[in-house]
Protein backbone atom coordinates (compact mmCIF):
# COMPACT_ATOMS: atom_id res chain seq x y z
CA MET A 1 0.03 -0.02 0.11
CA ASN A 2 1.36 3.54 -0.89
CA LYS A 3 2.39 5.03 2.51
CA PHE A 4 1.43 8.38 1.66
CA ALA A 5 -2.29 7.65 0.74
CA GLN A 6 -3.54 7.42 4.34
CA PRO A 7 -1.73 10.43 5.71
CA PHE A 8 -2.95 12.56 2.86
CA ALA A 9 -6.25 11.35 3.10
CA LEU A 10 -6.77 11.98 6.79
CA LEU A 11 -5.01 15.18 6.42
CA THR A 12 -7.71 16.53 3.68
CA THR A 13 -10.82 15.01 5.31
CA GLY A 14 -9.66 16.53 8.78
CA LEU A 15 -9.02 19.76 7.29
CA LEU A 16 -12.21 20.02 5.48
CA ALA A 17 -14.33 18.88 8.74
CA GLY A 18 -12.24 21.42 10.66
CA VAL A 19 -13.01 24.20 8.16
CA TYR A 20 -16.95 23.71 8.56
CA TYR A 21 -16.73 23.31 12.35
CA TYR A 22 -14.73 26.33 12.51
CA GLY A 23 -17.49 28.06 10.65
CA TYR A 24 -20.31 26.38 12.65
CA PHE A 25 -19.01 27.35 16.03
CA THR A 26 -17.41 30.62 15.44
CA VAL A 27 -18.11 32.56 12.28
CA ILE A 28 -22.03 31.73 11.90
CA PRO A 29 -22.84 32.96 15.35
CA ALA A 30 -20.73 35.92 14.81
CA PHE A 31 -22.49 36.85 11.62
CA TYR A 32 -25.73 37.17 13.90
CA GLU A 33 -24.04 39.51 16.46
CA VAL A 34 -23.43 42.30 14.02
CA PRO A 35 -25.66 44.68 12.12
CA LEU A 36 -27.23 43.05 8.67
CA LYS A 37 -25.11 45.47 6.58
CA VAL A 38 -21.85 44.28 8.14
CA HIS A 39 -23.23 40.50 8.18
CA LEU A 40 -23.99 40.70 4.40
CA GLU A 41 -20.62 42.49 3.59
CA TYR A 42 -18.70 40.17 5.34
CA ARG A 43 -20.37 37.02 3.96
CA VAL A 44 -19.54 38.22 0.47
CA ALA A 45 -15.96 38.90 1.55
CA LEU A 46 -15.79 35.58 2.82
CA MET A 47 -17.37 34.03 -0.04
CA ASN A 48 -14.56 35.53 -2.36
CA HIS A 49 -11.88 34.18 0.00
CA ASN A 50 -13.57 30.64 0.48
CA SER A 51 -14.64 29.55 -2.96
CA PHE A 52 -11.42 28.60 -4.44
CA TYR A 53 -9.72 27.12 -1.25
CA VAL A 54 -12.72 25.09 0.02
CA GLN A 55 -13.44 23.71 -3.50
CA SER A 56 -10.04 22.63 -3.74
CA LEU A 57 -9.78 21.31 -0.50
CA THR A 58 -13.23 19.38 -0.91
CA ALA A 59 -11.58 17.97 -4.13
CA ALA A 60 -8.72 16.80 -2.30
CA ALA A 61 -10.76 15.33 0.41
CA ILE A 62 -12.54 13.31 -2.23
CA LEU A 63 -9.58 12.22 -3.98
CA GLY A 64 -7.55 11.36 -0.86
CA PRO A 65 -9.80 8.58 0.29
CA LEU A 66 -10.32 7.31 -3.06
CA TRP A 67 -6.30 6.90 -3.29
CA LEU A 68 -6.42 5.24 -0.09
CA ALA A 69 -9.05 2.97 -1.44
CA ILE A 70 -7.00 2.00 -4.54
CA SER A 71 -3.96 1.44 -2.50
CA ALA A 72 -5.89 -0.59 0.03
CA ARG A 73 -7.64 -2.76 -2.89
CA GLN A 74 -6.60 -6.11 -1.12
CA THR A 75 -7.94 -5.11 2.35
CA HIS A 76 -11.68 -4.85 1.52
CA ARG A 77 -12.62 -3.21 5.07
CA VAL A 78 -10.11 -0.44 4.61
CA ARG A 79 -11.18 -0.07 0.96
CA ASN A 80 -14.83 0.32 1.83
CA TRP A 81 -14.46 2.84 4.78
CA ALA A 82 -12.16 4.72 2.53
CA ILE A 83 -14.79 4.85 -0.49
CA PHE A 84 -17.37 5.70 2.14
CA ALA A 85 -15.21 9.01 3.03
CA ALA A 86 -14.98 9.97 -0.34
CA VAL A 87 -18.74 9.59 -1.10
CA VAL A 88 -19.81 11.66 1.87
CA ALA A 89 -16.92 14.21 0.90
CA LEU A 90 -18.69 14.23 -2.31
CA LEU A 91 -22.09 14.93 -0.68
CA SER A 92 -20.51 17.79 1.37
CA ILE A 93 -19.56 19.72 -1.98
CA LEU A 94 -22.94 18.67 -3.63
CA THR A 95 -24.77 20.13 -0.79
CA THR A 96 -22.94 23.24 -1.08
CA ARG A 97 -23.24 23.28 -4.81
CA PHE A 98 -26.93 22.94 -4.77
CA GLY A 99 -28.02 24.35 -1.41
CA ASN A 100 -25.53 27.11 -0.21
CA VAL A 101 -24.09 28.29 -3.61
CA PRO A 102 -27.65 29.64 -4.97
CA ILE A 103 -28.21 31.36 -1.57
CA ASN A 104 -25.01 32.92 -1.77
CA ARG A 105 -25.64 34.42 -5.23
CA MET A 106 -28.74 35.89 -3.77
CA ILE A 107 -26.73 37.49 -0.86
CA ARG A 108 -24.43 39.08 -3.17
CA ILE A 109 -27.36 40.96 -4.72
CA TRP A 110 -28.73 42.05 -1.13
CA GLU A 111 -25.34 43.31 -0.11
CA ALA A 112 -25.58 45.77 -2.98
CA GLY A 113 -29.06 46.94 -2.07
CA GLN A 114 -31.96 45.87 -0.02
CA PRO A 115 -32.57 42.34 1.11
CA PRO A 116 -36.12 40.99 0.87
CA ALA A 117 -38.36 40.83 3.80
CA ASN A 118 -37.72 37.22 4.48
CA TRP A 119 -34.05 37.30 4.40
CA HIS A 120 -33.90 35.82 7.73
CA ASP A 121 -35.73 32.65 6.56
CA ILE A 122 -33.35 32.49 3.52
CA LEU A 123 -30.35 32.86 5.74
CA ASN A 124 -31.95 30.04 8.08
CA GLN A 125 -31.91 27.76 5.04
CA TRP A 126 -28.37 28.52 4.35
CA VAL A 127 -27.69 27.65 7.80
CA ILE A 128 -29.51 24.16 7.50
CA PHE A 129 -27.34 23.46 4.10
CA ASN A 130 -24.30 24.32 6.22
CA ASN A 131 -25.14 22.11 8.98
CA ILE A 132 -25.55 19.27 6.41
CA ARG A 133 -22.23 19.58 4.46
CA THR A 134 -20.69 19.92 7.98
CA PHE A 135 -22.13 16.79 9.07
CA PHE A 136 -20.86 14.95 5.76
CA ALA A 137 -17.36 16.68 6.05
CA LEU A 138 -17.12 15.26 9.81
CA ALA A 139 -18.51 11.84 8.42
CA SER A 140 -15.97 11.69 5.88
CA PHE A 141 -13.08 12.46 8.34
CA VAL A 142 -14.38 9.65 10.86
CA PHE A 143 -14.66 7.14 8.25
CA LEU A 144 -11.15 7.61 7.42
CA LEU A 145 -10.27 7.38 11.05
CA VAL A 146 -12.06 3.93 11.07
CA ALA A 147 -10.25 3.11 7.82
CA SER A 148 -6.84 4.02 9.42
CA GLN A 149 -7.63 2.04 12.62
CA LEU A 150 -8.29 -1.02 10.30
CA ASN A 151 -5.29 -0.51 8.17
CA LYS A 152 -3.19 -0.47 11.29
CA ARG A 153 -4.51 -3.98 12.31
CA VAL A 154 -3.70 -5.44 9.02
CA ALA A 155 -0.26 -3.86 8.41
CA PRO A 156 2.28 -6.17 8.27
CA VAL A 157 4.77 -6.39 11.31
CA GLN A 158 8.32 -5.32 10.39
């Protein structure tokens, strides 16, 4: 088995889970403690900084577990948990793409003008999608931890 596949998969899935959990516990609560104008301006600035980084990290968090799965193809349990990790990382980016991104596009428009009367309900929808993608990112990391523990058990003694 490739000795770099497992550390790379753990790093990428761990970073992805960390990014979303940091946002969940710190950034999102802070959004609601500032005036709406500041909230929207900051969201747009954050989107500008996050878009490339988080998309790239998510791609790596999908590819890392797949690399481990290919490397561990003879060890079916390790391979399967690695595939599960890749699938839920993929679900996190799909949730982002089809849940959060359309709302982010609306927020960009609001920031330039007046938000609609139901802006709070729309932002609550965004939070629901964020919670879902955060869950998927954490699940990906946990699945990789399981795969790594199984991998330690089957690794040859040297």
